[in-house]
N, C-alpha and C. Protein backbone atom coordinates (compact mmCIF):
# COMPACT_ATOMS: atom_id res chain seq x y z
N MET A 1 1.13 -24.64 -1.06
CA MET A 1 0.55 -23.29 -0.99
C MET A 1 -0.52 -23.14 -2.06
N SER A 2 -1.69 -22.68 -1.66
CA SER A 2 -2.79 -22.58 -2.60
C SER A 2 -2.56 -21.46 -3.60
N ASN A 3 -3.07 -21.67 -4.82
CA ASN A 3 -3.01 -20.66 -5.87
C ASN A 3 -4.37 -20.05 -6.16
N LEU A 4 -5.40 -20.51 -5.42
CA LEU A 4 -6.76 -20.01 -5.60
C LEU A 4 -7.28 -19.47 -4.27
N PHE A 5 -7.85 -18.27 -4.30
CA PHE A 5 -8.29 -17.64 -3.07
C PHE A 5 -9.66 -16.99 -3.27
N ALA A 6 -10.48 -17.01 -2.22
CA ALA A 6 -11.77 -16.32 -2.24
C ALA A 6 -12.16 -16.00 -0.80
N LYS A 7 -12.78 -14.87 -0.61
CA LYS A 7 -13.25 -14.50 0.72
C LYS A 7 -14.37 -13.48 0.58
N ASN A 8 -15.40 -13.61 1.43
CA ASN A 8 -16.54 -12.70 1.38
C ASN A 8 -16.27 -11.47 2.24
N PHE A 9 -16.76 -10.33 1.78
CA PHE A 9 -16.55 -9.09 2.52
C PHE A 9 -17.30 -9.09 3.86
N SER A 10 -18.27 -9.99 4.04
CA SER A 10 -18.95 -10.11 5.32
C SER A 10 -18.02 -10.64 6.40
N ASP A 11 -16.89 -11.23 5.97
CA ASP A 11 -15.87 -11.74 6.88
C ASP A 11 -14.55 -11.01 6.61
N ALA A 12 -14.62 -9.70 6.52
CA ALA A 12 -13.45 -8.89 6.16
C ALA A 12 -12.33 -9.03 7.17
N ASP A 13 -11.09 -8.99 6.67
CA ASP A 13 -9.92 -9.03 7.53
C ASP A 13 -9.72 -7.72 8.27
N GLU A 14 -10.22 -6.66 7.68
CA GLU A 14 -10.04 -5.34 8.28
C GLU A 14 -11.21 -4.45 7.91
N VAL A 15 -11.72 -3.70 8.87
CA VAL A 15 -12.81 -2.75 8.64
C VAL A 15 -12.41 -1.39 9.20
N LYS A 16 -12.53 -0.36 8.36
CA LYS A 16 -12.22 1.01 8.80
C LYS A 16 -13.44 1.89 8.57
N THR A 17 -13.64 2.84 9.49
CA THR A 17 -14.80 3.71 9.39
C THR A 17 -14.39 5.18 9.52
N PRO A 18 -13.68 5.71 8.53
CA PRO A 18 -13.38 7.15 8.54
C PRO A 18 -14.69 7.92 8.36
N PRO A 19 -14.68 9.23 8.54
CA PRO A 19 -15.91 10.02 8.42
C PRO A 19 -16.66 9.76 7.11
N LYS A 20 -17.96 9.46 7.22
CA LYS A 20 -18.87 9.28 6.09
C LYS A 20 -18.43 8.16 5.15
N ALA A 21 -17.76 7.14 5.69
CA ALA A 21 -17.30 6.04 4.84
C ALA A 21 -17.14 4.77 5.66
N ARG A 22 -17.21 3.64 4.96
CA ARG A 22 -16.90 2.34 5.56
C ARG A 22 -16.05 1.57 4.54
N VAL A 23 -14.89 1.07 5.00
CA VAL A 23 -13.97 0.36 4.13
C VAL A 23 -13.77 -1.05 4.68
N GLU A 24 -14.11 -2.05 3.87
CA GLU A 24 -13.92 -3.45 4.25
C GLU A 24 -12.83 -4.03 3.36
N VAL A 25 -11.82 -4.66 3.97
CA VAL A 25 -10.67 -5.18 3.23
C VAL A 25 -10.56 -6.69 3.45
N VAL A 26 -10.43 -7.44 2.34
CA VAL A 26 -10.14 -8.86 2.43
C VAL A 26 -8.78 -9.10 1.79
N LYS A 27 -8.00 -9.99 2.40
CA LYS A 27 -6.63 -10.28 1.92
C LYS A 27 -6.65 -11.59 1.15
N LEU A 28 -6.20 -11.53 -0.09
CA LEU A 28 -6.16 -12.69 -0.97
C LEU A 28 -4.72 -12.94 -1.38
N ASN A 29 -4.00 -13.69 -0.57
CA ASN A 29 -2.58 -13.90 -0.76
C ASN A 29 -1.87 -12.55 -0.76
N ASN A 30 -1.28 -12.11 -1.86
CA ASN A 30 -0.56 -10.84 -1.86
C ASN A 30 -1.39 -9.72 -2.50
N VAL A 31 -2.71 -9.90 -2.55
CA VAL A 31 -3.61 -8.89 -3.11
C VAL A 31 -4.67 -8.53 -2.07
N ASN A 32 -4.93 -7.25 -1.91
CA ASN A 32 -5.99 -6.78 -1.04
C ASN A 32 -7.15 -6.26 -1.89
N ALA A 33 -8.36 -6.73 -1.58
CA ALA A 33 -9.56 -6.23 -2.25
C ALA A 33 -10.35 -5.42 -1.23
N SER A 34 -10.81 -4.25 -1.63
CA SER A 34 -11.52 -3.36 -0.71
C SER A 34 -12.89 -3.00 -1.24
N LYS A 35 -13.87 -2.99 -0.33
CA LYS A 35 -15.20 -2.49 -0.64
C LYS A 35 -15.37 -1.18 0.11
N LEU A 36 -15.62 -0.11 -0.65
CA LEU A 36 -15.78 1.21 -0.05
C LEU A 36 -17.21 1.68 -0.21
N VAL A 37 -17.84 2.02 0.89
CA VAL A 37 -19.18 2.60 0.87
C VAL A 37 -19.03 4.05 1.32
N LEU A 38 -19.22 4.97 0.38
CA LEU A 38 -19.04 6.40 0.63
C LEU A 38 -20.40 7.06 0.73
N GLU A 39 -20.66 7.74 1.83
CA GLU A 39 -21.95 8.35 2.07
C GLU A 39 -22.08 9.70 1.35
N PRO A 40 -23.32 10.14 1.10
CA PRO A 40 -23.53 11.48 0.53
C PRO A 40 -22.81 12.52 1.39
N GLY A 41 -22.13 13.43 0.75
CA GLY A 41 -21.37 14.45 1.48
C GLY A 41 -19.92 14.08 1.71
N TRP A 42 -19.55 12.82 1.38
CA TRP A 42 -18.14 12.43 1.54
C TRP A 42 -17.28 13.18 0.54
N LYS A 43 -16.15 13.68 1.02
CA LYS A 43 -15.16 14.33 0.15
C LYS A 43 -13.79 14.09 0.76
N TRP A 44 -12.82 13.72 -0.09
CA TRP A 44 -11.49 13.40 0.43
C TRP A 44 -10.92 14.55 1.24
N SER A 45 -10.99 15.77 0.72
CA SER A 45 -10.34 16.91 1.35
C SER A 45 -10.95 17.29 2.70
N THR A 46 -12.19 16.88 2.95
CA THR A 46 -12.82 17.22 4.23
C THR A 46 -12.90 16.02 5.18
N CYS A 47 -12.93 14.80 4.63
CA CYS A 47 -13.10 13.61 5.47
C CYS A 47 -11.80 12.84 5.72
N ILE A 48 -10.86 12.89 4.78
CA ILE A 48 -9.63 12.11 4.90
C ILE A 48 -8.40 12.99 5.13
N LYS A 49 -8.35 14.12 4.45
CA LYS A 49 -7.19 15.02 4.55
C LYS A 49 -6.82 15.38 5.99
N PRO A 50 -7.80 15.66 6.87
CA PRO A 50 -7.41 16.01 8.25
C PRO A 50 -6.62 14.91 8.96
N THR A 51 -6.78 13.66 8.51
CA THR A 51 -6.07 12.54 9.15
C THR A 51 -4.71 12.29 8.51
N VAL A 52 -4.65 12.28 7.18
CA VAL A 52 -3.41 11.91 6.50
C VAL A 52 -2.57 13.12 6.09
N GLY A 53 -3.17 14.32 6.06
CA GLY A 53 -2.43 15.51 5.68
C GLY A 53 -2.24 15.61 4.17
N GLY A 54 -1.53 16.65 3.73
CA GLY A 54 -1.29 16.85 2.31
C GLY A 54 -2.37 17.68 1.65
N ASP A 55 -2.06 18.13 0.44
CA ASP A 55 -3.01 18.95 -0.30
C ASP A 55 -3.96 18.11 -1.15
N SER A 56 -3.58 16.86 -1.45
CA SER A 56 -4.42 15.98 -2.27
C SER A 56 -4.07 14.53 -1.97
N CYS A 57 -4.92 13.62 -2.40
CA CYS A 57 -4.68 12.19 -2.16
C CYS A 57 -3.49 11.74 -3.00
N GLN A 58 -2.50 11.13 -2.36
CA GLN A 58 -1.29 10.72 -3.06
C GLN A 58 -1.25 9.22 -3.35
N ALA A 59 -2.40 8.56 -3.26
CA ALA A 59 -2.48 7.14 -3.61
C ALA A 59 -3.14 6.99 -4.98
N GLY A 60 -2.70 6.00 -5.75
CA GLY A 60 -3.37 5.67 -6.99
C GLY A 60 -4.51 4.70 -6.72
N HIS A 61 -5.57 4.76 -7.51
CA HIS A 61 -6.73 3.91 -7.28
C HIS A 61 -7.17 3.23 -8.57
N VAL A 62 -7.42 1.92 -8.48
CA VAL A 62 -7.99 1.15 -9.58
C VAL A 62 -9.23 0.46 -9.04
N GLY A 63 -10.38 0.65 -9.70
CA GLY A 63 -11.59 0.05 -9.16
C GLY A 63 -12.76 0.08 -10.12
N VAL A 64 -13.92 -0.30 -9.58
CA VAL A 64 -15.17 -0.34 -10.33
C VAL A 64 -16.28 0.24 -9.47
N VAL A 65 -17.12 1.08 -10.06
CA VAL A 65 -18.26 1.66 -9.35
C VAL A 65 -19.46 0.71 -9.47
N ILE A 66 -20.04 0.36 -8.33
CA ILE A 66 -21.21 -0.53 -8.32
C ILE A 66 -22.50 0.27 -8.32
N SER A 67 -22.53 1.34 -7.55
CA SER A 67 -23.72 2.19 -7.51
C SER A 67 -23.32 3.60 -7.11
N GLY A 68 -24.18 4.56 -7.42
CA GLY A 68 -23.89 5.94 -7.09
C GLY A 68 -22.93 6.58 -8.08
N SER A 69 -22.42 7.74 -7.71
CA SER A 69 -21.56 8.51 -8.61
C SER A 69 -20.58 9.34 -7.80
N MET A 70 -19.39 9.51 -8.35
CA MET A 70 -18.42 10.39 -7.71
C MET A 70 -17.63 11.14 -8.77
N THR A 71 -17.11 12.28 -8.38
CA THR A 71 -16.28 13.10 -9.25
C THR A 71 -14.89 13.21 -8.65
N VAL A 72 -13.88 13.14 -9.50
CA VAL A 72 -12.50 13.26 -9.06
C VAL A 72 -11.82 14.36 -9.87
N LYS A 73 -11.11 15.23 -9.17
CA LYS A 73 -10.38 16.32 -9.83
C LYS A 73 -8.90 16.17 -9.51
N HIS A 74 -8.08 16.10 -10.57
CA HIS A 74 -6.64 15.93 -10.40
C HIS A 74 -5.95 17.28 -10.20
N ASP A 75 -4.75 17.22 -9.63
CA ASP A 75 -3.98 18.45 -9.41
C ASP A 75 -3.65 19.17 -10.71
N ASP A 76 -3.66 18.44 -11.84
CA ASP A 76 -3.35 19.07 -13.12
C ASP A 76 -4.55 19.82 -13.71
N GLY A 77 -5.68 19.80 -12.99
CA GLY A 77 -6.87 20.51 -13.44
C GLY A 77 -7.90 19.65 -14.15
N SER A 78 -7.52 18.44 -14.54
CA SER A 78 -8.47 17.55 -15.21
C SER A 78 -9.50 17.02 -14.22
N GLU A 79 -10.68 16.67 -14.74
CA GLU A 79 -11.78 16.24 -13.87
C GLU A 79 -12.58 15.15 -14.57
N ILE A 80 -13.04 14.17 -13.79
CA ILE A 80 -13.81 13.06 -14.36
C ILE A 80 -14.90 12.66 -13.38
N THR A 81 -16.04 12.24 -13.93
CA THR A 81 -17.14 11.72 -13.12
C THR A 81 -17.40 10.27 -13.52
N VAL A 82 -17.48 9.39 -12.52
CA VAL A 82 -17.71 7.97 -12.77
C VAL A 82 -18.98 7.53 -12.06
N GLY A 83 -19.68 6.56 -12.69
CA GLY A 83 -20.92 6.06 -12.12
C GLY A 83 -21.00 4.56 -12.24
N ALA A 84 -22.15 4.00 -11.89
CA ALA A 84 -22.35 2.55 -11.86
C ALA A 84 -21.91 1.89 -13.17
N GLY A 85 -21.09 0.85 -13.06
CA GLY A 85 -20.62 0.12 -14.22
C GLY A 85 -19.31 0.62 -14.78
N ASP A 86 -18.80 1.75 -14.29
CA ASP A 86 -17.55 2.32 -14.79
C ASP A 86 -16.35 1.73 -14.05
N ALA A 87 -15.33 1.33 -14.80
CA ALA A 87 -14.03 1.00 -14.23
C ALA A 87 -13.18 2.27 -14.28
N TYR A 88 -12.26 2.44 -13.33
CA TYR A 88 -11.52 3.69 -13.28
C TYR A 88 -10.09 3.48 -12.79
N TYR A 89 -9.26 4.45 -13.14
CA TYR A 89 -7.94 4.60 -12.54
C TYR A 89 -7.74 6.07 -12.25
N PHE A 90 -7.42 6.40 -10.99
CA PHE A 90 -7.13 7.76 -10.57
C PHE A 90 -5.65 7.83 -10.18
N ALA A 91 -4.87 8.63 -10.90
CA ALA A 91 -3.45 8.77 -10.58
C ALA A 91 -3.29 9.56 -9.28
N PRO A 92 -2.18 9.35 -8.57
CA PRO A 92 -1.92 10.11 -7.34
C PRO A 92 -1.97 11.61 -7.60
N GLY A 93 -2.50 12.35 -6.60
CA GLY A 93 -2.60 13.79 -6.71
C GLY A 93 -4.00 14.23 -7.11
N HIS A 94 -5.01 13.98 -6.27
CA HIS A 94 -6.38 14.30 -6.64
C HIS A 94 -7.25 14.50 -5.40
N ASP A 95 -8.40 15.10 -5.63
CA ASP A 95 -9.47 15.17 -4.63
C ASP A 95 -10.67 14.45 -5.24
N GLY A 96 -11.60 14.01 -4.42
CA GLY A 96 -12.76 13.32 -4.93
C GLY A 96 -13.94 13.49 -4.00
N TRP A 97 -15.16 13.40 -4.55
CA TRP A 97 -16.35 13.58 -3.72
C TRP A 97 -17.54 12.83 -4.32
N VAL A 98 -18.48 12.51 -3.45
CA VAL A 98 -19.70 11.81 -3.84
C VAL A 98 -20.69 12.82 -4.40
N ASN A 99 -21.36 12.44 -5.47
CA ASN A 99 -22.37 13.31 -6.08
C ASN A 99 -23.78 12.93 -5.60
N GLY A 100 -24.59 13.94 -5.35
CA GLY A 100 -25.99 13.70 -5.04
C GLY A 100 -26.24 13.11 -3.67
N ASP A 101 -27.44 12.51 -3.51
CA ASP A 101 -27.89 12.00 -2.22
C ASP A 101 -27.83 10.48 -2.12
N GLU A 102 -27.13 9.84 -3.05
CA GLU A 102 -27.04 8.38 -3.03
C GLU A 102 -25.63 7.94 -2.64
N GLN A 103 -25.57 6.85 -1.86
CA GLN A 103 -24.27 6.27 -1.54
C GLN A 103 -23.51 5.93 -2.82
N CYS A 104 -22.19 6.04 -2.75
CA CYS A 104 -21.35 5.57 -3.84
C CYS A 104 -20.59 4.34 -3.34
N ILE A 105 -20.84 3.20 -3.98
CA ILE A 105 -20.20 1.95 -3.58
C ILE A 105 -19.22 1.53 -4.66
N VAL A 106 -17.96 1.34 -4.28
CA VAL A 106 -16.92 0.96 -5.24
C VAL A 106 -16.11 -0.20 -4.67
N TYR A 107 -15.50 -0.96 -5.57
CA TYR A 107 -14.56 -2.01 -5.20
C TYR A 107 -13.20 -1.67 -5.80
N GLU A 108 -12.15 -1.81 -4.99
CA GLU A 108 -10.80 -1.53 -5.45
C GLU A 108 -9.86 -2.69 -5.14
N ILE A 109 -8.86 -2.85 -5.98
CA ILE A 109 -7.87 -3.91 -5.83
C ILE A 109 -6.49 -3.29 -5.72
N VAL A 110 -5.70 -3.75 -4.76
CA VAL A 110 -4.32 -3.27 -4.63
C VAL A 110 -3.43 -4.46 -4.32
N GLU A 111 -2.29 -4.52 -5.00
CA GLU A 111 -1.35 -5.60 -4.77
C GLU A 111 -0.72 -5.45 -3.40
N GLY A 112 -0.61 -6.55 -2.67
CA GLY A 112 -0.03 -6.52 -1.34
C GLY A 112 1.47 -6.68 -1.36
N TRP A 113 2.03 -7.03 -0.21
CA TRP A 113 3.48 -7.12 -0.07
C TRP A 113 4.05 -8.23 -0.93
N LYS A 114 5.16 -7.96 -1.57
CA LYS A 114 5.87 -8.97 -2.35
C LYS A 114 6.97 -9.58 -1.49
N ARG A 115 7.09 -10.91 -1.53
CA ARG A 115 8.22 -11.54 -0.87
C ARG A 115 9.44 -11.44 -1.78
N PHE A 116 10.59 -11.79 -1.24
CA PHE A 116 11.84 -11.53 -1.93
C PHE A 116 12.26 -12.69 -2.82
N ARG A 117 11.36 -13.28 -3.59
CA ARG A 117 11.71 -14.43 -4.40
C ARG A 117 12.47 -14.01 -5.67
N THR A 118 12.18 -12.83 -6.21
CA THR A 118 12.93 -12.28 -7.34
C THR A 118 13.22 -10.82 -7.04
N LEU A 119 14.47 -10.42 -7.16
CA LEU A 119 14.87 -9.06 -6.86
C LEU A 119 15.15 -8.34 -8.16
N GLU A 120 14.31 -7.37 -8.52
CA GLU A 120 14.43 -6.73 -9.81
C GLU A 120 14.95 -5.30 -9.68
N THR A 121 15.81 -4.92 -10.62
CA THR A 121 16.24 -3.54 -10.74
C THR A 121 15.80 -3.02 -12.09
N ARG A 122 16.10 -1.78 -12.37
CA ARG A 122 15.70 -1.22 -13.65
C ARG A 122 16.43 -1.89 -14.81
N SER A 123 17.64 -2.43 -14.56
CA SER A 123 18.43 -2.95 -15.67
C SER A 123 18.83 -4.41 -15.55
N LEU A 124 18.56 -5.05 -14.39
CA LEU A 124 19.00 -6.43 -14.25
C LEU A 124 18.14 -7.15 -13.22
N THR A 125 18.21 -8.49 -13.25
CA THR A 125 17.54 -9.31 -12.26
C THR A 125 18.57 -10.23 -11.63
N LEU A 126 18.61 -10.25 -10.30
CA LEU A 126 19.58 -11.07 -9.60
C LEU A 126 18.91 -12.30 -9.01
N SER A 127 19.54 -13.45 -9.16
CA SER A 127 19.03 -14.67 -8.55
C SER A 127 19.39 -14.69 -7.08
N VAL A 128 18.71 -15.55 -6.30
CA VAL A 128 19.01 -15.66 -4.89
C VAL A 128 20.45 -16.13 -4.69
N ASN A 129 20.95 -17.05 -5.52
CA ASN A 129 22.31 -17.55 -5.38
C ASN A 129 23.34 -16.44 -5.54
N LYS A 130 23.12 -15.56 -6.53
CA LYS A 130 24.07 -14.47 -6.74
C LYS A 130 24.04 -13.52 -5.54
N LEU A 131 22.84 -13.29 -4.99
CA LEU A 131 22.72 -12.42 -3.84
C LEU A 131 23.52 -12.98 -2.66
N LYS A 132 23.45 -14.30 -2.46
CA LYS A 132 24.17 -14.90 -1.35
C LYS A 132 25.68 -14.74 -1.51
N ASP A 133 26.17 -14.84 -2.74
CA ASP A 133 27.61 -14.79 -2.98
C ASP A 133 28.15 -13.37 -3.03
N ASN A 134 27.29 -12.39 -3.22
CA ASN A 134 27.71 -11.01 -3.39
C ASN A 134 26.86 -10.09 -2.50
N PRO A 135 27.25 -9.94 -1.23
CA PRO A 135 26.49 -9.06 -0.34
C PRO A 135 26.35 -7.67 -0.94
N MET A 136 25.20 -7.04 -0.70
CA MET A 136 24.91 -5.80 -1.40
C MET A 136 24.20 -4.80 -0.51
N LEU A 137 24.14 -3.57 -1.02
CA LEU A 137 23.26 -2.56 -0.47
C LEU A 137 21.92 -2.64 -1.20
N PHE A 138 20.83 -2.32 -0.50
CA PHE A 138 19.50 -2.39 -1.09
C PHE A 138 18.70 -1.14 -0.78
N MET A 139 17.87 -0.74 -1.74
CA MET A 139 16.83 0.24 -1.49
C MET A 139 15.53 -0.53 -1.33
N ILE A 140 14.94 -0.44 -0.17
CA ILE A 140 13.67 -1.11 0.09
C ILE A 140 12.57 -0.05 0.16
N THR A 141 11.56 -0.20 -0.68
CA THR A 141 10.45 0.75 -0.74
C THR A 141 9.20 0.09 -0.19
N SER A 142 8.69 0.60 0.89
CA SER A 142 7.47 0.10 1.52
C SER A 142 6.35 1.10 1.27
N SER A 143 5.27 0.64 0.64
CA SER A 143 4.18 1.56 0.32
C SER A 143 2.83 0.88 0.54
N HIS A 144 1.80 1.69 0.74
CA HIS A 144 0.44 1.20 0.92
C HIS A 144 -0.51 2.33 0.59
N ASP A 145 -1.81 2.05 0.59
CA ASP A 145 -2.77 3.12 0.37
C ASP A 145 -3.52 3.39 1.67
N TYR A 146 -4.51 4.28 1.61
CA TYR A 146 -5.23 4.66 2.83
C TYR A 146 -5.89 3.46 3.49
N SER A 147 -6.46 2.55 2.67
CA SER A 147 -7.21 1.42 3.24
C SER A 147 -6.32 0.45 3.99
N THR A 148 -5.01 0.42 3.69
CA THR A 148 -4.10 -0.51 4.36
C THR A 148 -3.10 0.20 5.26
N CYS A 149 -3.30 1.49 5.51
CA CYS A 149 -2.37 2.25 6.35
C CYS A 149 -2.42 1.72 7.78
N GLN A 150 -1.24 1.42 8.34
CA GLN A 150 -1.16 0.84 9.66
C GLN A 150 -0.89 1.86 10.76
N THR A 151 -0.76 3.13 10.38
CA THR A 151 -0.33 4.16 11.32
C THR A 151 -1.16 4.20 12.59
N HIS A 152 -2.49 4.17 12.45
CA HIS A 152 -3.36 4.31 13.61
C HIS A 152 -3.97 2.97 14.04
N HIS A 153 -3.47 1.87 13.47
CA HIS A 153 -4.00 0.55 13.84
C HIS A 153 -3.39 0.13 15.18
N PRO A 154 -4.22 -0.30 16.18
CA PRO A 154 -3.71 -0.61 17.52
C PRO A 154 -2.72 -1.77 17.57
N GLU A 155 -2.80 -2.71 16.61
CA GLU A 155 -1.89 -3.86 16.62
C GLU A 155 -0.82 -3.75 15.54
N LYS A 156 -1.23 -3.38 14.33
CA LYS A 156 -0.29 -3.35 13.22
C LYS A 156 0.71 -2.21 13.34
N GLY A 157 0.28 -1.09 13.89
CA GLY A 157 1.19 0.05 14.04
C GLY A 157 2.41 -0.31 14.88
N PRO A 158 2.22 -0.80 16.10
CA PRO A 158 3.37 -1.19 16.93
C PRO A 158 4.20 -2.30 16.31
N LEU A 159 3.55 -3.28 15.63
CA LEU A 159 4.29 -4.37 14.98
C LEU A 159 5.19 -3.83 13.88
N PHE A 160 4.68 -2.89 13.09
CA PHE A 160 5.46 -2.29 12.01
C PHE A 160 6.70 -1.58 12.58
N LYS A 161 6.50 -0.79 13.64
CA LYS A 161 7.61 -0.05 14.24
C LYS A 161 8.63 -1.00 14.87
N ASP A 162 8.14 -2.05 15.56
CA ASP A 162 9.05 -3.00 16.19
C ASP A 162 9.88 -3.75 15.15
N THR A 163 9.25 -4.09 14.02
CA THR A 163 9.97 -4.80 12.96
C THR A 163 11.12 -3.95 12.44
N LEU A 164 10.87 -2.67 12.21
CA LEU A 164 11.94 -1.78 11.73
C LEU A 164 13.03 -1.61 12.78
N ALA A 165 12.63 -1.54 14.05
CA ALA A 165 13.60 -1.34 15.11
C ALA A 165 14.50 -2.57 15.31
N ASN A 166 14.00 -3.74 14.91
CA ASN A 166 14.73 -4.98 15.15
C ASN A 166 15.42 -5.54 13.91
N LEU A 167 15.55 -4.75 12.86
CA LEU A 167 16.21 -5.24 11.64
C LEU A 167 17.63 -5.70 11.93
N GLY A 168 18.32 -4.99 12.82
CA GLY A 168 19.69 -5.34 13.13
C GLY A 168 19.84 -6.71 13.74
N LYS A 169 18.82 -7.19 14.43
CA LYS A 169 18.88 -8.52 15.05
C LYS A 169 18.94 -9.63 14.00
N HIS A 170 18.55 -9.30 12.77
CA HIS A 170 18.60 -10.28 11.68
C HIS A 170 19.82 -10.06 10.78
N GLY A 171 20.73 -9.18 11.22
CA GLY A 171 21.93 -8.92 10.44
C GLY A 171 21.75 -7.91 9.34
N VAL A 172 20.63 -7.18 9.36
CA VAL A 172 20.39 -6.15 8.35
C VAL A 172 20.81 -4.80 8.92
N LYS A 173 21.79 -4.16 8.27
CA LYS A 173 22.30 -2.88 8.73
C LYS A 173 21.63 -1.74 7.97
N VAL A 174 20.93 -0.86 8.68
CA VAL A 174 20.23 0.26 8.05
C VAL A 174 21.17 1.45 7.96
N HIS A 175 21.34 1.97 6.74
CA HIS A 175 22.19 3.14 6.52
C HIS A 175 21.39 4.44 6.55
N ASN A 176 20.16 4.39 6.06
CA ASN A 176 19.32 5.58 6.06
C ASN A 176 17.87 5.18 5.89
N MET A 177 16.98 6.03 6.36
CA MET A 177 15.55 5.76 6.27
C MET A 177 14.82 7.09 6.09
N TYR A 178 13.89 7.12 5.13
CA TYR A 178 13.13 8.34 4.85
C TYR A 178 11.66 7.99 4.66
N SER A 179 10.78 8.72 5.33
CA SER A 179 9.35 8.48 5.24
C SER A 179 8.66 9.63 4.53
N ASN A 180 7.89 9.31 3.46
CA ASN A 180 7.06 10.29 2.77
C ASN A 180 5.62 10.05 3.21
N ARG A 181 5.18 10.74 4.24
CA ARG A 181 3.87 10.50 4.83
C ARG A 181 2.73 10.78 3.87
N LEU A 182 2.91 11.77 3.01
CA LEU A 182 1.83 12.14 2.09
C LEU A 182 1.55 11.04 1.08
N GLU A 183 2.59 10.28 0.70
CA GLU A 183 2.43 9.22 -0.28
C GLU A 183 2.41 7.83 0.35
N HIS A 184 2.34 7.78 1.68
CA HIS A 184 2.30 6.50 2.40
C HIS A 184 3.46 5.60 1.96
N THR A 185 4.66 6.17 1.89
CA THR A 185 5.82 5.43 1.38
C THR A 185 7.02 5.61 2.31
N LEU A 186 7.72 4.49 2.56
CA LEU A 186 8.92 4.50 3.39
C LEU A 186 10.08 3.95 2.56
N PHE A 187 11.21 4.68 2.55
CA PHE A 187 12.40 4.26 1.82
C PHE A 187 13.49 3.88 2.82
N ILE A 188 14.08 2.70 2.63
CA ILE A 188 15.13 2.22 3.53
C ILE A 188 16.34 1.80 2.70
N VAL A 189 17.50 2.37 3.01
CA VAL A 189 18.75 1.92 2.41
C VAL A 189 19.44 1.04 3.45
N CYS A 190 19.67 -0.23 3.10
CA CYS A 190 20.23 -1.15 4.08
C CYS A 190 21.22 -2.10 3.43
N GLU A 191 21.97 -2.81 4.27
CA GLU A 191 22.99 -3.75 3.83
C GLU A 191 22.66 -5.12 4.41
N ALA A 192 22.76 -6.17 3.59
CA ALA A 192 22.49 -7.53 4.04
C ALA A 192 23.47 -8.50 3.42
N ASP A 193 23.78 -9.57 4.14
CA ASP A 193 24.72 -10.57 3.66
C ASP A 193 24.04 -11.71 2.91
N SER A 194 22.72 -11.85 3.09
CA SER A 194 22.05 -13.00 2.47
C SER A 194 20.59 -12.70 2.23
N PHE A 195 20.02 -13.46 1.35
CA PHE A 195 18.59 -13.42 1.08
C PHE A 195 17.79 -13.76 2.34
N GLU A 196 18.26 -14.75 3.09
CA GLU A 196 17.53 -15.18 4.28
C GLU A 196 17.42 -14.06 5.32
N GLN A 197 18.46 -13.22 5.41
CA GLN A 197 18.41 -12.12 6.36
C GLN A 197 17.28 -11.15 6.04
N LEU A 198 17.15 -10.77 4.77
CA LEU A 198 16.07 -9.86 4.37
C LEU A 198 14.71 -10.50 4.59
N ASP A 199 14.58 -11.75 4.19
CA ASP A 199 13.30 -12.44 4.30
C ASP A 199 12.84 -12.53 5.74
N ALA A 200 13.77 -12.90 6.64
CA ALA A 200 13.43 -13.04 8.05
C ALA A 200 13.16 -11.69 8.71
N ALA A 201 13.92 -10.68 8.32
CA ALA A 201 13.79 -9.37 8.95
C ALA A 201 12.43 -8.73 8.68
N PHE A 202 11.93 -8.85 7.45
CA PHE A 202 10.69 -8.18 7.08
C PHE A 202 9.46 -9.09 7.12
N ASP A 203 9.65 -10.34 7.46
CA ASP A 203 8.55 -11.31 7.44
C ASP A 203 7.32 -10.87 8.26
N PRO A 204 7.47 -10.27 9.45
CA PRO A 204 6.29 -9.93 10.26
C PRO A 204 5.35 -8.91 9.61
N ILE A 205 5.85 -8.14 8.62
CA ILE A 205 5.02 -7.07 8.06
C ILE A 205 4.78 -7.23 6.56
N LEU A 206 4.97 -8.42 6.03
CA LEU A 206 4.84 -8.63 4.59
C LEU A 206 3.42 -8.45 4.08
N GLU A 207 2.42 -8.51 4.94
CA GLU A 207 1.03 -8.41 4.49
C GLU A 207 0.43 -7.03 4.76
N MET A 208 1.25 -6.05 5.04
CA MET A 208 0.74 -4.73 5.38
C MET A 208 0.80 -3.73 4.23
N GLY A 209 1.08 -4.18 3.02
CA GLY A 209 1.13 -3.25 1.90
C GLY A 209 1.91 -3.84 0.74
N HIS A 210 2.79 -3.05 0.17
CA HIS A 210 3.59 -3.48 -1.00
C HIS A 210 5.05 -3.23 -0.69
N LEU A 211 5.88 -4.25 -0.92
CA LEU A 211 7.30 -4.14 -0.63
C LEU A 211 8.11 -4.41 -1.89
N GLU A 212 8.97 -3.46 -2.27
CA GLU A 212 9.82 -3.61 -3.45
C GLU A 212 11.28 -3.52 -3.03
N VAL A 213 12.08 -4.47 -3.47
CA VAL A 213 13.50 -4.51 -3.12
C VAL A 213 14.34 -4.26 -4.36
N THR A 214 15.23 -3.26 -4.31
CA THR A 214 16.10 -2.93 -5.44
C THR A 214 17.55 -2.99 -5.00
N PRO A 215 18.36 -3.93 -5.55
CA PRO A 215 19.80 -3.91 -5.27
C PRO A 215 20.42 -2.61 -5.77
N VAL A 216 21.25 -2.00 -4.95
CA VAL A 216 21.86 -0.71 -5.29
C VAL A 216 23.28 -0.91 -5.80
N MET A 217 24.10 -1.65 -5.10
CA MET A 217 25.49 -1.86 -5.52
C MET A 217 26.07 -3.04 -4.78
N GLU A 218 27.07 -3.68 -5.37
CA GLU A 218 27.78 -4.72 -4.68
C GLU A 218 28.73 -4.11 -3.68
N ARG A 219 28.82 -4.78 -2.53
CA ARG A 219 29.74 -4.29 -1.51
C ARG A 219 31.15 -4.80 -1.83
N LYS A 220 32.13 -3.92 -1.86
CA LYS A 220 33.51 -4.30 -2.19
C LYS A 220 34.25 -4.75 -0.94
């Protein structure tokens, strides 16, 4: 398996064209890099909110501005303007808009889906061998941002839904499932007897965002 990756945005894996914007995404192993071209007049609350809902953008953003300028206002009242050469981080809960009559071009990086090679909790780390010997309940958190949202994708949307519907075929028992649409996050409480069951069950959708697995308790 290669440890070095490169891909040009001219050969993007995914291209999205929401109102007044173009988003090109390239997949680099478990990292997604996005090029966003935002046209004059673009504003999250008018161009994106009607599609995803909510009062503000609930995704965090890390990136660099290549040209143009944009302003972001957080729900806490703070406001920042970034321009060419600026690196930025915008915490979830904000609106943003392009300034002036020039396109704003930015590049953003987001970590993709994690495979289940190490299962971390807040207080301990379990090896695969221990997982096999001690079947457990798990909290699985599936999250992504707007650029990797599969909801309206003609192929990825049905694949995502089918994968969740077929978890039982891999021996994974779902106890509860909750979707937070505003934050593009899905929470699943499930039970599995082995590492292989989890790996096989979620394998079809591992490249659609970020997956975090937290052991909850040992099954008695």
